[in-house]
Amino acid sequence: QAPGVRPLRVPVHPGGKPQIAINALTAQV
């Protein structure tokens, strides 16, 4: 990816990724 636009966090797994909701909430906070 181009510099400056890369995501802060990338969850990786084909199954459940329970941290997605936490990541979104803490970013908003």
mmCIF file of all heavy atoms, coordinates in Angstrom:
data_MODEL
# 
_entry.id   MODEL 
# 
loop_
_atom_site.group_PDB 
_atom_site.id 
_atom_site.type_symbol 
_atom_site.label_atom_id 
_atom_site.label_alt_id 
_atom_site.label_comp_id 
_atom_site.label_asym_id 
_atom_site.label_entity_id 
_atom_site.label_seq_id 
_atom_site.pdbx_PDB_ins_code 
_atom_site.Cartn_x 
_atom_site.Cartn_y 
_atom_site.Cartn_z 
_atom_site.occupancy 
_atom_site.B_iso_or_equiv 
_atom_site.pdbx_formal_charge 
_atom_site.auth_seq_id 
_atom_site.auth_comp_id 
_atom_site.auth_asym_id 
_atom_site.auth_atom_id 
_atom_site.pdbx_PDB_model_num 
ATOM 1   N N   . GLN A 1 1  ? 0.821   -1.206  0.000  1.00 0.00 ? 1  GLN A N   1 
ATOM 2   C CA  . GLN A 1 1  ? 0.000   0.000   0.000  1.00 0.00 ? 1  GLN A CA  1 
ATOM 3   C C   . GLN A 1 1  ? 0.858   1.261   0.000  1.00 0.00 ? 1  GLN A C   1 
ATOM 4   O O   . GLN A 1 1  ? 2.022   1.256   0.421  1.00 0.00 ? 1  GLN A O   1 
ATOM 5   C CB  . GLN A 1 1  ? -0.909  0.027   1.225  1.00 0.00 ? 1  GLN A CB  1 
ATOM 6   C CG  . GLN A 1 1  ? -2.111  -0.879  1.125  1.00 0.00 ? 1  GLN A CG  1 
ATOM 7   C CD  . GLN A 1 1  ? -3.043  -0.661  2.296  1.00 0.00 ? 1  GLN A CD  1 
ATOM 8   O OE1 . GLN A 1 1  ? -2.868  -1.264  3.346  1.00 0.00 ? 1  GLN A OE1 1 
ATOM 9   N NE2 . GLN A 1 1  ? -4.029  0.184   2.118  1.00 0.00 ? 1  GLN A NE2 1 
ATOM 10  N N   . ALA A 1 2  ? 0.246   2.356   -0.438 1.00 0.00 ? 2  ALA A N   1 
ATOM 11  C CA  . ALA A 1 2  ? 0.942   3.642   -0.441 1.00 0.00 ? 2  ALA A CA  1 
ATOM 12  C C   . ALA A 1 2  ? 1.196   4.102   0.985  1.00 0.00 ? 2  ALA A C   1 
ATOM 13  O O   . ALA A 1 2  ? 0.368   3.878   1.878  1.00 0.00 ? 2  ALA A O   1 
ATOM 14  C CB  . ALA A 1 2  ? 0.112   4.676   -1.187 1.00 0.00 ? 2  ALA A CB  1 
ATOM 15  N N   . PRO A 1 3  ? 2.325   4.757   1.237  1.00 0.00 ? 3  PRO A N   1 
ATOM 16  C CA  . PRO A 1 3  ? 2.584   5.301   2.576  1.00 0.00 ? 3  PRO A CA  1 
ATOM 17  C C   . PRO A 1 3  ? 1.493   6.273   2.988  1.00 0.00 ? 3  PRO A C   1 
ATOM 18  O O   . PRO A 1 3  ? 0.937   7.009   2.172  1.00 0.00 ? 3  PRO A O   1 
ATOM 19  C CB  . PRO A 1 3  ? 3.930   6.028   2.399  1.00 0.00 ? 3  PRO A CB  1 
ATOM 20  C CG  . PRO A 1 3  ? 4.570   5.381   1.222  1.00 0.00 ? 3  PRO A CG  1 
ATOM 21  C CD  . PRO A 1 3  ? 3.440   4.999   0.301  1.00 0.00 ? 3  PRO A CD  1 
ATOM 22  N N   . GLY A 1 4  ? 1.171   6.244   4.280  1.00 0.00 ? 4  GLY A N   1 
ATOM 23  C CA  . GLY A 1 4  ? 0.216   7.192   4.815  1.00 0.00 ? 4  GLY A CA  1 
ATOM 24  C C   . GLY A 1 4  ? -1.223  6.746   4.810  1.00 0.00 ? 4  GLY A C   1 
ATOM 25  O O   . GLY A 1 4  ? -2.076  7.440   5.355  1.00 0.00 ? 4  GLY A O   1 
ATOM 26  N N   . VAL A 1 5  ? -1.509  5.606   4.196  1.00 0.00 ? 5  VAL A N   1 
ATOM 27  C CA  . VAL A 1 5  ? -2.899  5.147   4.155  1.00 0.00 ? 5  VAL A CA  1 
ATOM 28  C C   . VAL A 1 5  ? -3.046  3.726   4.683  1.00 0.00 ? 5  VAL A C   1 
ATOM 29  O O   . VAL A 1 5  ? -4.111  3.139   4.600  1.00 0.00 ? 5  VAL A O   1 
ATOM 30  C CB  . VAL A 1 5  ? -3.474  5.232   2.718  1.00 0.00 ? 5  VAL A CB  1 
ATOM 31  C CG1 . VAL A 1 5  ? -3.453  6.665   2.221  1.00 0.00 ? 5  VAL A CG1 1 
ATOM 32  C CG2 . VAL A 1 5  ? -2.724  4.314   1.769  1.00 0.00 ? 5  VAL A CG2 1 
ATOM 33  N N   . ARG A 1 6  ? -1.993  3.190   5.217  1.00 0.00 ? 6  ARG A N   1 
ATOM 34  C CA  . ARG A 1 6  ? -2.057  1.819   5.720  1.00 0.00 ? 6  ARG A CA  1 
ATOM 35  C C   . ARG A 1 6  ? -2.890  1.761   6.992  1.00 0.00 ? 6  ARG A C   1 
ATOM 36  O O   . ARG A 1 6  ? -2.867  2.685   7.809  1.00 0.00 ? 6  ARG A O   1 
ATOM 37  C CB  . ARG A 1 6  ? -0.640  1.299   5.979  1.00 0.00 ? 6  ARG A CB  1 
ATOM 38  C CG  . ARG A 1 6  ? 0.219   1.194   4.716  1.00 0.00 ? 6  ARG A CG  1 
ATOM 39  C CD  . ARG A 1 6  ? 1.648   0.861   5.062  1.00 0.00 ? 6  ARG A CD  1 
ATOM 40  N NE  . ARG A 1 6  ? 2.461   0.587   3.885  1.00 0.00 ? 6  ARG A NE  1 
ATOM 41  C CZ  . ARG A 1 6  ? 3.557   1.271   3.557  1.00 0.00 ? 6  ARG A CZ  1 
ATOM 42  N NH1 . ARG A 1 6  ? 3.969   2.283   4.325  1.00 0.00 ? 6  ARG A NH1 1 
ATOM 43  N NH2 . ARG A 1 6  ? 4.254   0.956   2.476  1.00 0.00 ? 6  ARG A NH2 1 
ATOM 44  N N   . PRO A 1 7  ? -3.612  0.665   7.210  1.00 0.00 ? 7  PRO A N   1 
ATOM 45  C CA  . PRO A 1 7  ? -4.433  0.550   8.422  1.00 0.00 ? 7  PRO A CA  1 
ATOM 46  C C   . PRO A 1 7  ? -3.578  0.375   9.665  1.00 0.00 ? 7  PRO A C   1 
ATOM 47  O O   . PRO A 1 7  ? -2.477  -0.180  9.606  1.00 0.00 ? 7  PRO A O   1 
ATOM 48  C CB  . PRO A 1 7  ? -5.273  -0.700  8.154  1.00 0.00 ? 7  PRO A CB  1 
ATOM 49  C CG  . PRO A 1 7  ? -4.439  -1.517  7.212  1.00 0.00 ? 7  PRO A CG  1 
ATOM 50  C CD  . PRO A 1 7  ? -3.730  -0.520  6.334  1.00 0.00 ? 7  PRO A CD  1 
ATOM 51  N N   . LEU A 1 8  ? -4.084  0.853   10.797 1.00 0.00 ? 8  LEU A N   1 
ATOM 52  C CA  . LEU A 1 8  ? -3.362  0.671   12.055 1.00 0.00 ? 8  LEU A CA  1 
ATOM 53  C C   . LEU A 1 8  ? -3.388  -0.778  12.494 1.00 0.00 ? 8  LEU A C   1 
ATOM 54  O O   . LEU A 1 8  ? -2.379  -1.303  12.972 1.00 0.00 ? 8  LEU A O   1 
ATOM 55  C CB  . LEU A 1 8  ? -3.977  1.555   13.143 1.00 0.00 ? 8  LEU A CB  1 
ATOM 56  C CG  . LEU A 1 8  ? -3.388  1.380   14.553 1.00 0.00 ? 8  LEU A CG  1 
ATOM 57  C CD1 . LEU A 1 8  ? -1.901  1.716   14.584 1.00 0.00 ? 8  LEU A CD1 1 
ATOM 58  C CD2 . LEU A 1 8  ? -4.158  2.226   15.563 1.00 0.00 ? 8  LEU A CD2 1 
ATOM 59  N N   . ARG A 1 9  ? -4.530  -1.446  12.335 1.00 0.00 ? 9  ARG A N   1 
ATOM 60  C CA  . ARG A 1 9  ? -4.664  -2.825  12.780 1.00 0.00 ? 9  ARG A CA  1 
ATOM 61  C C   . ARG A 1 9  ? -5.241  -3.696  11.667 1.00 0.00 ? 9  ARG A C   1 
ATOM 62  O O   . ARG A 1 9  ? -6.169  -3.271  10.968 1.00 0.00 ? 9  ARG A O   1 
ATOM 63  C CB  . ARG A 1 9  ? -5.562  -2.928  14.017 1.00 0.00 ? 9  ARG A CB  1 
ATOM 64  C CG  . ARG A 1 9  ? -4.922  -2.379  15.282 1.00 0.00 ? 9  ARG A CG  1 
ATOM 65  C CD  . ARG A 1 9  ? -5.819  -2.552  16.507 1.00 0.00 ? 9  ARG A CD  1 
ATOM 66  N NE  . ARG A 1 9  ? -5.082  -2.290  17.727 1.00 0.00 ? 9  ARG A NE  1 
ATOM 67  C CZ  . ARG A 1 9  ? -4.973  -1.081  18.285 1.00 0.00 ? 9  ARG A CZ  1 
ATOM 68  N NH1 . ARG A 1 9  ? -5.576  -0.036  17.732 1.00 0.00 ? 9  ARG A NH1 1 
ATOM 69  N NH2 . ARG A 1 9  ? -4.270  -0.927  19.391 1.00 0.00 ? 9  ARG A NH2 1 
ATOM 70  N N   . VAL A 1 10 ? -4.727  -4.914  11.540 1.00 0.00 ? 10 VAL A N   1 
ATOM 71  C CA  . VAL A 1 10 ? -5.229  -5.870  10.555 1.00 0.00 ? 10 VAL A CA  1 
ATOM 72  C C   . VAL A 1 10 ? -5.453  -7.213  11.250 1.00 0.00 ? 10 VAL A C   1 
ATOM 73  O O   . VAL A 1 10 ? -4.501  -7.953  11.518 1.00 0.00 ? 10 VAL A O   1 
ATOM 74  C CB  . VAL A 1 10 ? -4.256  -6.054  9.378  1.00 0.00 ? 10 VAL A CB  1 
ATOM 75  C CG1 . VAL A 1 10 ? -4.795  -7.087  8.391  1.00 0.00 ? 10 VAL A CG1 1 
ATOM 76  C CG2 . VAL A 1 10 ? -4.007  -4.734  8.662  1.00 0.00 ? 10 VAL A CG2 1 
ATOM 77  N N   . PRO A 1 11 ? -6.703  -7.557  11.600 1.00 0.00 ? 11 PRO A N   1 
ATOM 78  C CA  . PRO A 1 11 ? -7.006  -8.892  12.109 1.00 0.00 ? 11 PRO A CA  1 
ATOM 79  C C   . PRO A 1 11 ? -6.879  -9.916  10.975 1.00 0.00 ? 11 PRO A C   1 
ATOM 80  O O   . PRO A 1 11 ? -7.353  -9.665  9.867  1.00 0.00 ? 11 PRO A O   1 
ATOM 81  C CB  . PRO A 1 11 ? -8.458  -8.779  12.584 1.00 0.00 ? 11 PRO A CB  1 
ATOM 82  C CG  . PRO A 1 11 ? -8.733  -7.307  12.677 1.00 0.00 ? 11 PRO A CG  1 
ATOM 83  C CD  . PRO A 1 11 ? -7.878  -6.680  11.623 1.00 0.00 ? 11 PRO A CD  1 
ATOM 84  N N   . VAL A 1 12 ? -6.260  -11.054 11.259 1.00 0.00 ? 12 VAL A N   1 
ATOM 85  C CA  . VAL A 1 12 ? -6.043  -12.055 10.214 1.00 0.00 ? 12 VAL A CA  1 
ATOM 86  C C   . VAL A 1 12 ? -6.472  -13.426 10.719 1.00 0.00 ? 12 VAL A C   1 
ATOM 87  O O   . VAL A 1 12 ? -5.874  -13.960 11.663 1.00 0.00 ? 12 VAL A O   1 
ATOM 88  C CB  . VAL A 1 12 ? -4.559  -12.118 9.774  1.00 0.00 ? 12 VAL A CB  1 
ATOM 89  C CG1 . VAL A 1 12 ? -4.394  -13.107 8.622  1.00 0.00 ? 12 VAL A CG1 1 
ATOM 90  C CG2 . VAL A 1 12 ? -4.039  -10.747 9.380  1.00 0.00 ? 12 VAL A CG2 1 
ATOM 91  N N   . HIS A 1 13 ? -7.496  -13.988 10.111 1.00 0.00 ? 13 HIS A N   1 
ATOM 92  C CA  . HIS A 1 13 ? -7.927  -15.348 10.400 1.00 0.00 ? 13 HIS A CA  1 
ATOM 93  C C   . HIS A 1 13 ? -9.167  -15.625 9.562  1.00 0.00 ? 13 HIS A C   1 
ATOM 94  O O   . HIS A 1 13 ? -9.994  -14.730 9.368  1.00 0.00 ? 13 HIS A O   1 
ATOM 95  C CB  . HIS A 1 13 ? -8.263  -15.532 11.888 1.00 0.00 ? 13 HIS A CB  1 
ATOM 96  C CG  . HIS A 1 13 ? -8.287  -16.970 12.318 1.00 0.00 ? 13 HIS A CG  1 
ATOM 97  N ND1 . HIS A 1 13 ? -9.454  -17.703 12.383 1.00 0.00 ? 13 HIS A ND1 1 
ATOM 98  C CD2 . HIS A 1 13 ? -7.297  -17.802 12.678 1.00 0.00 ? 13 HIS A CD2 1 
ATOM 99  C CE1 . HIS A 1 13 ? -9.173  -18.936 12.785 1.00 0.00 ? 13 HIS A CE1 1 
ATOM 100 N NE2 . HIS A 1 13 ? -7.865  -19.030 12.966 1.00 0.00 ? 13 HIS A NE2 1 
ATOM 101 N N   . PRO A 1 14 ? -9.315  -16.863 9.050  1.00 0.00 ? 14 PRO A N   1 
ATOM 102 C CA  . PRO A 1 14 ? -10.518 -17.154 8.267  1.00 0.00 ? 14 PRO A CA  1 
ATOM 103 C C   . PRO A 1 14 ? -11.763 -17.331 9.131  1.00 0.00 ? 14 PRO A C   1 
ATOM 104 O O   . PRO A 1 14 ? -12.880 -17.308 8.621  1.00 0.00 ? 14 PRO A O   1 
ATOM 105 C CB  . PRO A 1 14 ? -10.160 -18.458 7.549  1.00 0.00 ? 14 PRO A CB  1 
ATOM 106 C CG  . PRO A 1 14 ? -9.141  -19.106 8.437  1.00 0.00 ? 14 PRO A CG  1 
ATOM 107 C CD  . PRO A 1 14 ? -8.351  -17.975 9.018  1.00 0.00 ? 14 PRO A CD  1 
ATOM 108 N N   . GLY A 1 15 ? -11.577 -17.506 10.426 1.00 0.00 ? 15 GLY A N   1 
ATOM 109 C CA  . GLY A 1 15 ? -12.708 -17.691 11.326 1.00 0.00 ? 15 GLY A CA  1 
ATOM 110 C C   . GLY A 1 15 ? -13.025 -16.421 12.091 1.00 0.00 ? 15 GLY A C   1 
ATOM 111 O O   . GLY A 1 15 ? -12.838 -15.308 11.614 1.00 0.00 ? 15 GLY A O   1 
ATOM 112 N N   . GLY A 1 16 ? -13.497 -16.582 13.319 1.00 0.00 ? 16 GLY A N   1 
ATOM 113 C CA  . GLY A 1 16 ? -13.908 -15.447 14.125 1.00 0.00 ? 16 GLY A CA  1 
ATOM 114 C C   . GLY A 1 16 ? -12.754 -14.521 14.465 1.00 0.00 ? 16 GLY A C   1 
ATOM 115 O O   . GLY A 1 16 ? -11.629 -14.970 14.708 1.00 0.00 ? 16 GLY A O   1 
ATOM 116 N N   . LYS A 1 17 ? -13.067 -13.248 14.479 1.00 0.00 ? 17 LYS A N   1 
ATOM 117 C CA  . LYS A 1 17 ? -12.073 -12.224 14.844 1.00 0.00 ? 17 LYS A CA  1 
ATOM 118 C C   . LYS A 1 17 ? -12.714 -11.318 15.893 1.00 0.00 ? 17 LYS A C   1 
ATOM 119 O O   . LYS A 1 17 ? -13.210 -10.224 15.577 1.00 0.00 ? 17 LYS A O   1 
ATOM 120 C CB  . LYS A 1 17 ? -11.643 -11.451 13.594 1.00 0.00 ? 17 LYS A CB  1 
ATOM 121 C CG  . LYS A 1 17 ? -10.846 -12.314 12.610 1.00 0.00 ? 17 LYS A CG  1 
ATOM 122 C CD  . LYS A 1 17 ? -10.498 -11.576 11.338 1.00 0.00 ? 17 LYS A CD  1 
ATOM 123 C CE  . LYS A 1 17 ? -11.671 -11.550 10.373 1.00 0.00 ? 17 LYS A CE  1 
ATOM 124 N NZ  . LYS A 1 17 ? -12.029 -12.891 9.856  1.00 0.00 ? 17 LYS A NZ  1 
ATOM 125 N N   . PRO A 1 18 ? -12.745 -11.763 17.141 1.00 0.00 ? 18 PRO A N   1 
ATOM 126 C CA  . PRO A 1 18 ? -13.495 -11.041 18.171 1.00 0.00 ? 18 PRO A CA  1 
ATOM 127 C C   . PRO A 1 18 ? -12.959 -9.657  18.463 1.00 0.00 ? 18 PRO A C   1 
ATOM 128 O O   . PRO A 1 18 ? -13.659 -8.841  19.070 1.00 0.00 ? 18 PRO A O   1 
ATOM 129 C CB  . PRO A 1 18 ? -13.371 -11.954 19.400 1.00 0.00 ? 18 PRO A CB  1 
ATOM 130 C CG  . PRO A 1 18 ? -12.116 -12.742 19.160 1.00 0.00 ? 18 PRO A CG  1 
ATOM 131 C CD  . PRO A 1 18 ? -12.076 -12.969 17.691 1.00 0.00 ? 18 PRO A CD  1 
ATOM 132 N N   . GLN A 1 19 ? -11.734 -9.367  18.048 1.00 0.00 ? 19 GLN A N   1 
ATOM 133 C CA  . GLN A 1 19 ? -11.148 -8.070  18.351 1.00 0.00 ? 19 GLN A CA  1 
ATOM 134 C C   . GLN A 1 19 ? -11.641 -6.949  17.448 1.00 0.00 ? 19 GLN A C   1 
ATOM 135 O O   . GLN A 1 19 ? -11.378 -5.767  17.720 1.00 0.00 ? 19 GLN A O   1 
ATOM 136 C CB  . GLN A 1 19 ? -9.614  -8.160  18.275 1.00 0.00 ? 19 GLN A CB  1 
ATOM 137 C CG  . GLN A 1 19 ? -9.023  -8.298  16.871 1.00 0.00 ? 19 GLN A CG  1 
ATOM 138 C CD  . GLN A 1 19 ? -8.910  -9.737  16.424 1.00 0.00 ? 19 GLN A CD  1 
ATOM 139 O OE1 . GLN A 1 19 ? -9.765  -10.555 16.720 1.00 0.00 ? 19 GLN A OE1 1 
ATOM 140 N NE2 . GLN A 1 19 ? -7.828  -10.058 15.717 1.00 0.00 ? 19 GLN A NE2 1 
ATOM 141 N N   . ILE A 1 20 ? -12.359 -7.276  16.371 1.00 0.00 ? 20 ILE A N   1 
ATOM 142 C CA  . ILE A 1 20 ? -12.773 -6.232  15.431 1.00 0.00 ? 20 ILE A CA  1 
ATOM 143 C C   . ILE A 1 20 ? -13.623 -5.167  16.124 1.00 0.00 ? 20 ILE A C   1 
ATOM 144 O O   . ILE A 1 20 ? -13.421 -3.955  15.929 1.00 0.00 ? 20 ILE A O   1 
ATOM 145 C CB  . ILE A 1 20 ? -13.520 -6.852  14.236 1.00 0.00 ? 20 ILE A CB  1 
ATOM 146 C CG1 . ILE A 1 20 ? -12.527 -7.586  13.322 1.00 0.00 ? 20 ILE A CG1 1 
ATOM 147 C CG2 . ILE A 1 20 ? -14.264 -5.779  13.449 1.00 0.00 ? 20 ILE A CG2 1 
ATOM 148 C CD1 . ILE A 1 20 ? -13.176 -8.277  12.140 1.00 0.00 ? 20 ILE A CD1 1 
ATOM 149 N N   . ALA A 1 21 ? -14.568 -5.593  16.931 1.00 0.00 ? 21 ALA A N   1 
ATOM 150 C CA  . ALA A 1 21 ? -15.429 -4.623  17.622 1.00 0.00 ? 21 ALA A CA  1 
ATOM 151 C C   . ALA A 1 21 ? -14.620 -3.755  18.580 1.00 0.00 ? 21 ALA A C   1 
ATOM 152 O O   . ALA A 1 21 ? -14.868 -2.541  18.698 1.00 0.00 ? 21 ALA A O   1 
ATOM 153 C CB  . ALA A 1 21 ? -16.530 -5.362  18.374 1.00 0.00 ? 21 ALA A CB  1 
ATOM 154 N N   . ILE A 1 22 ? -13.668 -4.354  19.263 1.00 0.00 ? 22 ILE A N   1 
ATOM 155 C CA  . ILE A 1 22 ? -12.814 -3.592  20.184 1.00 0.00 ? 22 ILE A CA  1 
ATOM 156 C C   . ILE A 1 22 ? -11.977 -2.592  19.415 1.00 0.00 ? 22 ILE A C   1 
ATOM 157 O O   . ILE A 1 22 ? -11.833 -1.429  19.822 1.00 0.00 ? 22 ILE A O   1 
ATOM 158 C CB  . ILE A 1 22 ? -11.928 -4.552  20.995 1.00 0.00 ? 22 ILE A CB  1 
ATOM 159 C CG1 . ILE A 1 22 ? -12.794 -5.434  21.891 1.00 0.00 ? 22 ILE A CG1 1 
ATOM 160 C CG2 . ILE A 1 22 ? -10.904 -3.775  21.820 1.00 0.00 ? 22 ILE A CG2 1 
ATOM 161 C CD1 . ILE A 1 22 ? -12.034 -6.542  22.573 1.00 0.00 ? 22 ILE A CD1 1 
ATOM 162 N N   . ASN A 1 23 ? -11.413 -3.008  18.294 1.00 0.00 ? 23 ASN A N   1 
ATOM 163 C CA  . ASN A 1 23 ? -10.590 -2.106  17.489 1.00 0.00 ? 23 ASN A CA  1 
ATOM 164 C C   . ASN A 1 23 ? -11.387 -0.893  17.032 1.00 0.00 ? 23 ASN A C   1 
ATOM 165 O O   . ASN A 1 23 ? -10.906 0.246   17.078 1.00 0.00 ? 23 ASN A O   1 
ATOM 166 C CB  . ASN A 1 23 ? -10.025 -2.847  16.274 1.00 0.00 ? 23 ASN A CB  1 
ATOM 167 C CG  . ASN A 1 23 ? -9.014  -3.918  16.648 1.00 0.00 ? 23 ASN A CG  1 
ATOM 168 O OD1 . ASN A 1 23 ? -8.528  -3.955  17.774 1.00 0.00 ? 23 ASN A OD1 1 
ATOM 169 N ND2 . ASN A 1 23 ? -8.704  -4.787  15.706 1.00 0.00 ? 23 ASN A ND2 1 
ATOM 170 N N   . ALA A 1 24 ? -12.611 -1.139  16.571 1.00 0.00 ? 24 ALA A N   1 
ATOM 171 C CA  . ALA A 1 24 ? -13.442 -0.040  16.088 1.00 0.00 ? 24 ALA A CA  1 
ATOM 172 C C   . ALA A 1 24 ? -13.799 0.918   17.227 1.00 0.00 ? 24 ALA A C   1 
ATOM 173 O O   . ALA A 1 24 ? -13.760 2.148   17.069 1.00 0.00 ? 24 ALA A O   1 
ATOM 174 C CB  . ALA A 1 24 ? -14.704 -0.587  15.436 1.00 0.00 ? 24 ALA A CB  1 
ATOM 175 N N   . LEU A 1 25 ? -14.139 0.352   18.385 1.00 0.00 ? 25 LEU A N   1 
ATOM 176 C CA  . LEU A 1 25 ? -14.529 1.188   19.516 1.00 0.00 ? 25 LEU A CA  1 
ATOM 177 C C   . LEU A 1 25 ? -13.360 2.034   20.013 1.00 0.00 ? 25 LEU A C   1 
ATOM 178 O O   . LEU A 1 25 ? -13.515 3.243   20.252 1.00 0.00 ? 25 LEU A O   1 
ATOM 179 C CB  . LEU A 1 25 ? -15.055 0.311   20.656 1.00 0.00 ? 25 LEU A CB  1 
ATOM 180 C CG  . LEU A 1 25 ? -15.429 1.038   21.954 1.00 0.00 ? 25 LEU A CG  1 
ATOM 181 C CD1 . LEU A 1 25 ? -16.530 2.061   21.697 1.00 0.00 ? 25 LEU A CD1 1 
ATOM 182 C CD2 . LEU A 1 25 ? -15.848 0.037   23.019 1.00 0.00 ? 25 LEU A CD2 1 
ATOM 183 N N   . THR A 1 26 ? -12.180 1.423   20.171 1.00 0.00 ? 26 THR A N   1 
ATOM 184 C CA  . THR A 1 26 ? -11.046 2.183   20.694 1.00 0.00 ? 26 THR A CA  1 
ATOM 185 C C   . THR A 1 26 ? -10.590 3.250   19.712 1.00 0.00 ? 26 THR A C   1 
ATOM 186 O O   . THR A 1 26 ? -10.156 4.330   20.129 1.00 0.00 ? 26 THR A O   1 
ATOM 187 C CB  . THR A 1 26 ? -9.875  1.250   21.047 1.00 0.00 ? 26 THR A CB  1 
ATOM 188 O OG1 . THR A 1 26 ? -9.466  0.513   19.887 1.00 0.00 ? 26 THR A OG1 1 
ATOM 189 C CG2 . THR A 1 26 ? -10.252 0.289   22.156 1.00 0.00 ? 26 THR A CG2 1 
ATOM 190 N N   . ALA A 1 27 ? -10.706 2.985   18.412 1.00 0.00 ? 27 ALA A N   1 
ATOM 191 C CA  . ALA A 1 27 ? -10.366 4.009   17.426 1.00 0.00 ? 27 ALA A CA  1 
ATOM 192 C C   . ALA A 1 27 ? -11.287 5.214   17.583 1.00 0.00 ? 27 ALA A C   1 
ATOM 193 O O   . ALA A 1 27 ? -10.837 6.369   17.570 1.00 0.00 ? 27 ALA A O   1 
ATOM 194 C CB  . ALA A 1 27 ? -10.465 3.439   16.015 1.00 0.00 ? 27 ALA A CB  1 
ATOM 195 N N   . GLN A 1 28 ? -12.575 4.946   17.753 1.00 0.00 ? 28 GLN A N   1 
ATOM 196 C CA  . GLN A 1 28 ? -13.533 6.040   17.920 1.00 0.00 ? 28 GLN A CA  1 
ATOM 197 C C   . GLN A 1 28 ? -13.260 6.807   19.212 1.00 0.00 ? 28 GLN A C   1 
ATOM 198 O O   . GLN A 1 28 ? -13.343 8.044   19.244 1.00 0.00 ? 28 GLN A O   1 
ATOM 199 C CB  . GLN A 1 28 ? -14.959 5.494   17.927 1.00 0.00 ? 28 GLN A CB  1 
ATOM 200 C CG  . GLN A 1 28 ? -16.024 6.581   17.914 1.00 0.00 ? 28 GLN A CG  1 
ATOM 201 C CD  . GLN A 1 28 ? -15.944 7.442   16.673 1.00 0.00 ? 28 GLN A CD  1 
ATOM 202 O OE1 . GLN A 1 28 ? -16.007 6.938   15.561 1.00 0.00 ? 28 GLN A OE1 1 
ATOM 203 N NE2 . GLN A 1 28 ? -15.771 8.755   16.854 1.00 0.00 ? 28 GLN A NE2 1 
ATOM 204 N N   . VAL A 1 29 ? -12.925 6.078   20.285 1.00 0.00 ? 29 VAL A N   1 
ATOM 205 C CA  . VAL A 1 29 ? -12.620 6.731   21.558 1.00 0.00 ? 29 VAL A CA  1 
ATOM 206 C C   . VAL A 1 29 ? -11.401 7.640   21.409 1.00 0.00 ? 29 VAL A C   1 
ATOM 207 O O   . VAL A 1 29 ? -11.386 8.780   21.911 1.00 0.00 ? 29 VAL A O   1 
ATOM 208 C CB  . VAL A 1 29 ? -12.386 5.677   22.660 1.00 0.00 ? 29 VAL A CB  1 
ATOM 209 C CG1 . VAL A 1 29 ? -11.779 6.331   23.907 1.00 0.00 ? 29 VAL A CG1 1 
ATOM 210 C CG2 . VAL A 1 29 ? -13.685 4.970   23.012 1.00 0.00 ? 29 VAL A CG2 1 
# 
